[in-house]
PDB file of N, CA and C in Angstrom:
ATOM      1  N   UNK A   1     -10.210 -31.247  25.047  1.00  0.00           N
ATOM      2  CA  UNK A   1      -9.304 -30.361  25.751  1.00  0.00           C
ATOM      3  C   UNK A   1      -7.926 -30.405  25.116  1.00  0.00           C
ATOM      4  N   UNK A   2      -7.444 -31.612  24.789  1.00  0.00           N
ATOM      5  CA  UNK A   2      -6.124 -31.737  24.166  1.00  0.00           C
ATOM      6  C   UNK A   2      -6.102 -31.049  22.813  1.00  0.00           C
ATOM      7  N   UNK A   3      -7.231 -31.115  22.099  1.00  0.00           N
ATOM      8  CA  UNK A   3      -7.303 -30.471  20.789  1.00  0.00           C
ATOM      9  C   UNK A   3      -7.172 -28.960  20.926  1.00  0.00           C
ATOM     10  N   UNK A   4      -7.860 -28.381  21.917  1.00  0.00           N
ATOM     11  CA  UNK A   4      -7.781 -26.939  22.153  1.00  0.00           C
ATOM     12  C   UNK A   4      -6.367 -26.534  22.529  1.00  0.00           C
ATOM     13  N   UNK A   5      -5.706 -27.342  23.327  1.00  0.00           N
ATOM     14  CA  UNK A   5      -4.324 -27.054  23.706  1.00  0.00           C
ATOM     15  C   UNK A   5      -3.413 -27.116  22.485  1.00  0.00           C
ATOM     16  N   UNK A   6      -3.668 -28.072  21.598  1.00  0.00           N
ATOM     17  CA  UNK A   6      -2.864 -28.192  20.381  1.00  0.00           C
ATOM     18  C   UNK A   6      -3.039 -26.966  19.494  1.00  0.00           C
ATOM     19  N   UNK A   7      -4.256 -26.448  19.438  1.00  0.00           N
ATOM     20  CA  UNK A   7      -4.491 -25.242  18.654  1.00  0.00           C
ATOM     21  C   UNK A   7      -3.726 -24.056  19.221  1.00  0.00           C
ATOM     22  N   UNK A   8      -3.702 -23.947  20.534  1.00  0.00           N
ATOM     23  CA  UNK A   8      -2.971 -22.859  21.168  1.00  0.00           C
ATOM     24  C   UNK A   8      -1.474 -22.970  20.920  1.00  0.00           C
ATOM     25  N   UNK A   9      -0.955 -24.147  21.034  1.00  0.00           N
ATOM     26  CA  UNK A   9       0.483 -24.359  20.889  1.00  0.00           C
ATOM     27  C   UNK A   9       0.934 -24.139  19.451  1.00  0.00           C
ATOM     28  N   UNK A  10       0.170 -24.644  18.487  1.00  0.00           N
ATOM     29  CA  UNK A  10       0.585 -24.548  17.090  1.00  0.00           C
ATOM     30  C   UNK A  10       0.131 -23.270  16.415  1.00  0.00           C
ATOM     31  N   UNK A  11      -0.808 -22.584  16.993  1.00  0.00           N
ATOM     32  CA  UNK A  11      -1.296 -21.349  16.398  1.00  0.00           C
ATOM     33  C   UNK A  11      -2.297 -21.564  15.283  1.00  0.00           C
ATOM     34  N   UNK A  12      -2.775 -22.793  15.132  1.00  0.00           N
ATOM     35  CA  UNK A  12      -3.759 -23.079  14.095  1.00  0.00           C
ATOM     36  C   UNK A  12      -5.052 -22.353  14.430  1.00  0.00           C
ATOM     37  N   UNK A  13      -5.665 -21.815  13.420  1.00  0.00           N
ATOM     38  CA  UNK A  13      -6.931 -21.128  13.625  1.00  0.00           C
ATOM     39  C   UNK A  13      -6.772 -19.631  13.814  1.00  0.00           C
ATOM     40  N   UNK A  14      -5.570 -19.155  13.878  1.00  0.00           N
ATOM     41  CA  UNK A  14      -5.349 -17.723  14.004  1.00  0.00           C
ATOM     42  C   UNK A  14      -5.186 -17.161  12.601  1.00  0.00           C
ATOM     43  N   UNK A  15      -6.141 -16.360  12.198  1.00  0.00           N
ATOM     44  CA  UNK A  15      -6.119 -15.787  10.857  1.00  0.00           C
ATOM     45  C   UNK A  15      -6.063 -14.278  10.987  1.00  0.00           C
ATOM     46  N   UNK A  16      -5.138 -13.680  10.285  1.00  0.00           N
ATOM     47  CA  UNK A  16      -5.054 -12.227  10.284  1.00  0.00           C
ATOM     48  C   UNK A  16      -5.411 -11.717   8.899  1.00  0.00           C
ATOM     49  N   UNK A  17      -5.982 -10.551   8.855  1.00  0.00           N
ATOM     50  CA  UNK A  17      -6.342  -9.944   7.577  1.00  0.00           C
ATOM     51  C   UNK A  17      -5.088  -9.411   6.902  1.00  0.00           C
ATOM     52  N   UNK A  18      -5.036  -9.486   5.592  1.00  0.00           N
ATOM     53  CA  UNK A  18      -3.871  -8.938   4.901  1.00  0.00           C
ATOM     54  C   UNK A  18      -3.821  -7.425   5.061  1.00  0.00           C
ATOM     55  N   UNK A  19      -2.636  -6.901   5.068  1.00  0.00           N
ATOM     56  CA  UNK A  19      -2.463  -5.456   5.175  1.00  0.00           C
ATOM     57  C   UNK A  19      -2.890  -4.839   3.849  1.00  0.00           C
ATOM     58  N   UNK A  20      -3.767  -3.867   3.928  1.00  0.00           N
ATOM     59  CA  UNK A  20      -4.229  -3.249   2.693  1.00  0.00           C
ATOM     60  C   UNK A  20      -3.178  -2.280   2.171  1.00  0.00           C
ATOM     61  N   UNK A  21      -3.094  -2.190   0.877  1.00  0.00           N
ATOM     62  CA  UNK A  21      -2.113  -1.298   0.280  1.00  0.00           C
ATOM     63  C   UNK A  21      -2.685   0.109   0.214  1.00  0.00           C
ATOM     64  N   UNK A  22      -1.796   1.073   0.129  1.00  0.00           N
ATOM     65  CA  UNK A  22      -2.217   2.458   0.037  1.00  0.00           C
ATOM     66  C   UNK A  22      -2.849   2.699  -1.325  1.00  0.00           C
ATOM     67  N   UNK A  23      -3.832   3.543  -1.363  1.00  0.00           N
ATOM     68  CA  UNK A  23      -4.471   3.901  -2.625  1.00  0.00           C
ATOM     69  C   UNK A  23      -3.675   5.018  -3.288  1.00  0.00           C
ATOM     70  N   UNK A  24      -3.732   5.108  -4.604  1.00  0.00           N
ATOM     71  CA  UNK A  24      -3.051   6.220  -5.280  1.00  0.00           C
ATOM     72  C   UNK A  24      -3.625   7.555  -4.816  1.00  0.00           C
ATOM     73  N   UNK A  25      -2.781   8.566  -4.840  1.00  0.00           N
ATOM     74  CA  UNK A  25      -3.264   9.909  -4.517  1.00  0.00           C
ATOM     75  C   UNK A  25      -4.295  10.344  -5.552  1.00  0.00           C
ATOM     76  N   UNK A  26      -5.214  11.203  -5.144  1.00  0.00           N
ATOM     77  CA  UNK A  26      -6.218  11.728  -6.071  1.00  0.00           C
ATOM     78  C   UNK A  26      -5.575  12.670  -7.079  1.00  0.00           C
ATOM     79  N   UNK A  27      -4.590  13.441  -6.601  1.00  0.00           N
ATOM     80  CA  UNK A  27      -3.890  14.381  -7.470  1.00  0.00           C
ATOM     81  C   UNK A  27      -2.543  14.733  -6.843  1.00  0.00           C
ATOM     82  N   UNK A  28      -1.723  15.473  -7.583  1.00  0.00           N
ATOM     83  CA  UNK A  28      -0.382  15.803  -7.086  1.00  0.00           C
ATOM     84  C   UNK A  28      -0.422  16.814  -5.949  1.00  0.00           C
ATOM     85  N   UNK A  29      -1.455  17.623  -5.880  1.00  0.00           N
ATOM     86  CA  UNK A  29      -1.575  18.550  -4.747  1.00  0.00           C
ATOM     87  C   UNK A  29      -1.697  17.772  -3.447  1.00  0.00           C
ATOM     88  N   UNK A  30      -2.476  16.711  -3.474  1.00  0.00           N
ATOM     89  CA  UNK A  30      -2.624  15.857  -2.295  1.00  0.00           C
ATOM     90  C   UNK A  30      -1.294  15.176  -1.962  1.00  0.00           C
ATOM     91  N   UNK A  31      -0.593  14.704  -2.985  1.00  0.00           N
ATOM     92  CA  UNK A  31       0.700  14.044  -2.766  1.00  0.00           C
ATOM     93  C   UNK A  31       1.705  15.014  -2.151  1.00  0.00           C
ATOM     94  N   UNK A  32       1.794  16.209  -2.706  1.00  0.00           N
ATOM     95  CA  UNK A  32       2.752  17.202  -2.196  1.00  0.00           C
ATOM     96  C   UNK A  32       2.405  17.633  -0.775  1.00  0.00           C
ATOM     97  N   UNK A  33       1.116  17.718  -0.462  1.00  0.00           N
ATOM     98  CA  UNK A  33       0.691  18.076   0.897  1.00  0.00           C
ATOM     99  C   UNK A  33       1.166  17.034   1.905  1.00  0.00           C
ATOM    100  N   UNK A  34       1.362  15.788   1.437  1.00  0.00           N
ATOM    101  CA  UNK A  34       1.865  14.715   2.293  1.00  0.00           C
ATOM    102  C   UNK A  34       3.372  14.529   2.159  1.00  0.00           C
ATOM    103  N   UNK A  35       4.017  15.434   1.427  1.00  0.00           N
ATOM    104  CA  UNK A  35       5.470  15.370   1.293  1.00  0.00           C
ATOM    105  C   UNK A  35       5.958  14.379   0.258  1.00  0.00           C
ATOM    106  N   UNK A  36       5.079  13.911  -0.621  1.00  0.00           N
ATOM    107  CA  UNK A  36       5.466  12.935  -1.639  1.00  0.00           C
ATOM    108  C   UNK A  36       5.581  13.579  -3.011  1.00  0.00           C
ATOM    109  N   UNK A  37       6.734  13.419  -3.621  1.00  0.00           N
ATOM    110  CA  UNK A  37       6.959  13.784  -5.017  1.00  0.00           C
ATOM    111  C   UNK A  37       7.788  12.677  -5.637  1.00  0.00           C
ATOM    112  N   UNK A  38       7.888  12.691  -6.950  1.00  0.00           N
ATOM    113  CA  UNK A  38       8.664  11.675  -7.671  1.00  0.00           C
ATOM    114  C   UNK A  38       8.248  10.260  -7.255  1.00  0.00           C
ATOM    115  N   UNK A  39       6.973   9.984  -7.363  1.00  0.00           N
ATOM    116  CA  UNK A  39       6.405   8.702  -6.938  1.00  0.00           C
ATOM    117  C   UNK A  39       6.620   7.665  -8.045  1.00  0.00           C
ATOM    118  N   UNK A  40       7.392   6.614  -7.780  1.00  0.00           N
ATOM    119  CA  UNK A  40       7.650   5.606  -8.812  1.00  0.00           C
ATOM    120  C   UNK A  40       6.406   4.757  -9.091  1.00  0.00           C
ATOM    121  N   UNK A  41       6.336   4.236 -10.304  1.00  0.00           N
ATOM    122  CA  UNK A  41       5.175   3.427 -10.688  1.00  0.00           C
ATOM    123  C   UNK A  41       5.055   2.156  -9.855  1.00  0.00           C
ATOM    124  N   UNK A  42       6.114   1.770  -9.176  1.00  0.00           N
ATOM    125  CA  UNK A  42       6.074   0.582  -8.317  1.00  0.00           C
ATOM    126  C   UNK A  42       5.416   0.863  -6.960  1.00  0.00           C
ATOM    127  N   UNK A  43       5.159   2.131  -6.666  1.00  0.00           N
ATOM    128  CA  UNK A  43       4.554   2.515  -5.390  1.00  0.00           C
ATOM    129  C   UNK A  43       3.044   2.343  -5.434  1.00  0.00           C
ATOM    130  N   UNK A  44       2.464   1.959  -4.304  1.00  0.00           N
ATOM    131  CA  UNK A  44       1.006   1.866  -4.190  1.00  0.00           C
ATOM    132  C   UNK A  44       0.349   3.239  -4.293  1.00  0.00           C
ATOM    133  N   UNK A  45       1.122   4.291  -4.062  1.00  0.00           N
ATOM    134  CA  UNK A  45       0.596   5.656  -4.105  1.00  0.00           C
ATOM    135  C   UNK A  45       0.572   6.228  -5.522  1.00  0.00           C
ATOM    136  N   UNK A  46       1.193   5.518  -6.464  1.00  0.00           N
ATOM    137  CA  UNK A  46       1.264   5.958  -7.861  1.00  0.00           C
ATOM    138  C   UNK A  46      -0.031   5.644  -8.595  1.00  0.00           C
ATOM    139  N   UNK A  47      -0.399   6.523  -9.483  1.00  0.00           N
ATOM    140  CA  UNK A  47      -1.498   6.276 -10.413  1.00  0.00           C
ATOM    141  C   UNK A  47      -1.138   6.922 -11.736  1.00  0.00           C
ATOM    142  N   UNK A  48      -1.527   6.354 -12.859  1.00  0.00           N
ATOM    143  CA  UNK A  48      -1.175   6.923 -14.162  1.00  0.00           C
ATOM    144  C   UNK A  48      -1.647   8.368 -14.328  1.00  0.00           C
ATOM    145  N   UNK A  49      -2.713   8.734 -13.628  1.00  0.00           N
ATOM    146  CA  UNK A  49      -3.210  10.107 -13.703  1.00  0.00           C
ATOM    147  C   UNK A  49      -2.255  11.105 -13.048  1.00  0.00           C
ATOM    148  N   UNK A  50      -1.273  10.620 -12.299  1.00  0.00           N
ATOM    149  CA  UNK A  50      -0.286  11.485 -11.648  1.00  0.00           C
ATOM    150  C   UNK A  50       0.965  11.669 -12.506  1.00  0.00           C
ATOM    151  N   UNK A  51       1.030  10.983 -13.616  1.00  0.00           N
ATOM    152  CA  UNK A  51       2.238  10.926 -14.441  1.00  0.00           C
ATOM    153  C   UNK A  51       1.989  11.617 -15.782  1.00  0.00           C
ATOM    154  N   UNK A  52       2.251  12.912 -15.838  1.00  0.00           N
ATOM    155  CA  UNK A  52       1.960  13.704 -17.041  1.00  0.00           C
ATOM    156  C   UNK A  52       2.694  13.208 -18.282  1.00  0.00           C
ATOM    157  N   UNK A  53       3.976  12.902 -18.125  1.00  0.00           N
ATOM    158  CA  UNK A  53       4.776  12.526 -19.301  1.00  0.00           C
ATOM    159  C   UNK A  53       4.890  11.017 -19.502  1.00  0.00           C
ATOM    160  N   UNK A  54       4.186  10.245 -18.691  1.00  0.00           N
ATOM    161  CA  UNK A  54       4.121   8.781 -18.817  1.00  0.00           C
ATOM    162  C   UNK A  54       5.493   8.110 -18.790  1.00  0.00           C
ATOM    163  N   UNK A  55       6.368   8.631 -17.896  1.00  0.00           N
ATOM    164  CA  UNK A  55       7.704   8.031 -17.775  1.00  0.00           C
ATOM    165  C   UNK A  55       7.826   7.101 -16.576  1.00  0.00           C
ATOM    166  N   UNK A  56       6.716   6.850 -15.885  1.00  0.00           N
ATOM    167  CA  UNK A  56       6.740   5.940 -14.743  1.00  0.00           C
ATOM    168  C   UNK A  56       7.011   6.617 -13.416  1.00  0.00           C
ATOM    169  N   UNK A  57       7.037   7.951 -13.412  1.00  0.00           N
ATOM    170  CA  UNK A  57       7.248   8.709 -12.176  1.00  0.00           C
ATOM    171  C   UNK A  57       6.135   9.746 -12.077  1.00  0.00           C
ATOM    172  N   UNK A  58       5.385   9.689 -10.999  1.00  0.00           N
ATOM    173  CA  UNK A  58       4.283  10.620 -10.808  1.00  0.00           C
ATOM    174  C   UNK A  58       4.653  11.790  -9.923  1.00  0.00           C
ATOM    175  N   UNK A  59       3.992  12.900 -10.151  1.00  0.00           N
ATOM    176  CA  UNK A  59       4.170  14.124  -9.340  1.00  0.00           C
ATOM    177  C   UNK A  59       5.637  14.527  -9.256  1.00  0.00           C
ATOM    178  N   UNK A  60       6.243  14.627 -10.419  1.00  0.00           N
ATOM    179  CA  UNK A  60       7.668  14.981 -10.448  1.00  0.00           C
ATOM    180  C   UNK A  60       7.886  16.398  -9.942  1.00  0.00           C
ATOM    181  N   UNK A  61       8.974  16.561  -9.207  1.00  0.00           N
ATOM    182  CA  UNK A  61       9.283  17.887  -8.658  1.00  0.00           C
ATOM    183  C   UNK A  61      10.147  18.672  -9.610  1.00  0.00           C
TER     184      UNK A  61
END
């Protein structure tokens, strides 16, 4: 019983799943439909297939 109480108090045993990151858009039409343009390469929504000139910015407006 004391062990169960210790688990409750300390929060041991509570595991949460990591938040999944967004997948890159399939194409720029999909991105624009969601209001996204000029997507930086640091974004989870960026994919190299969205970057025509390979400057690190996808779906440029």
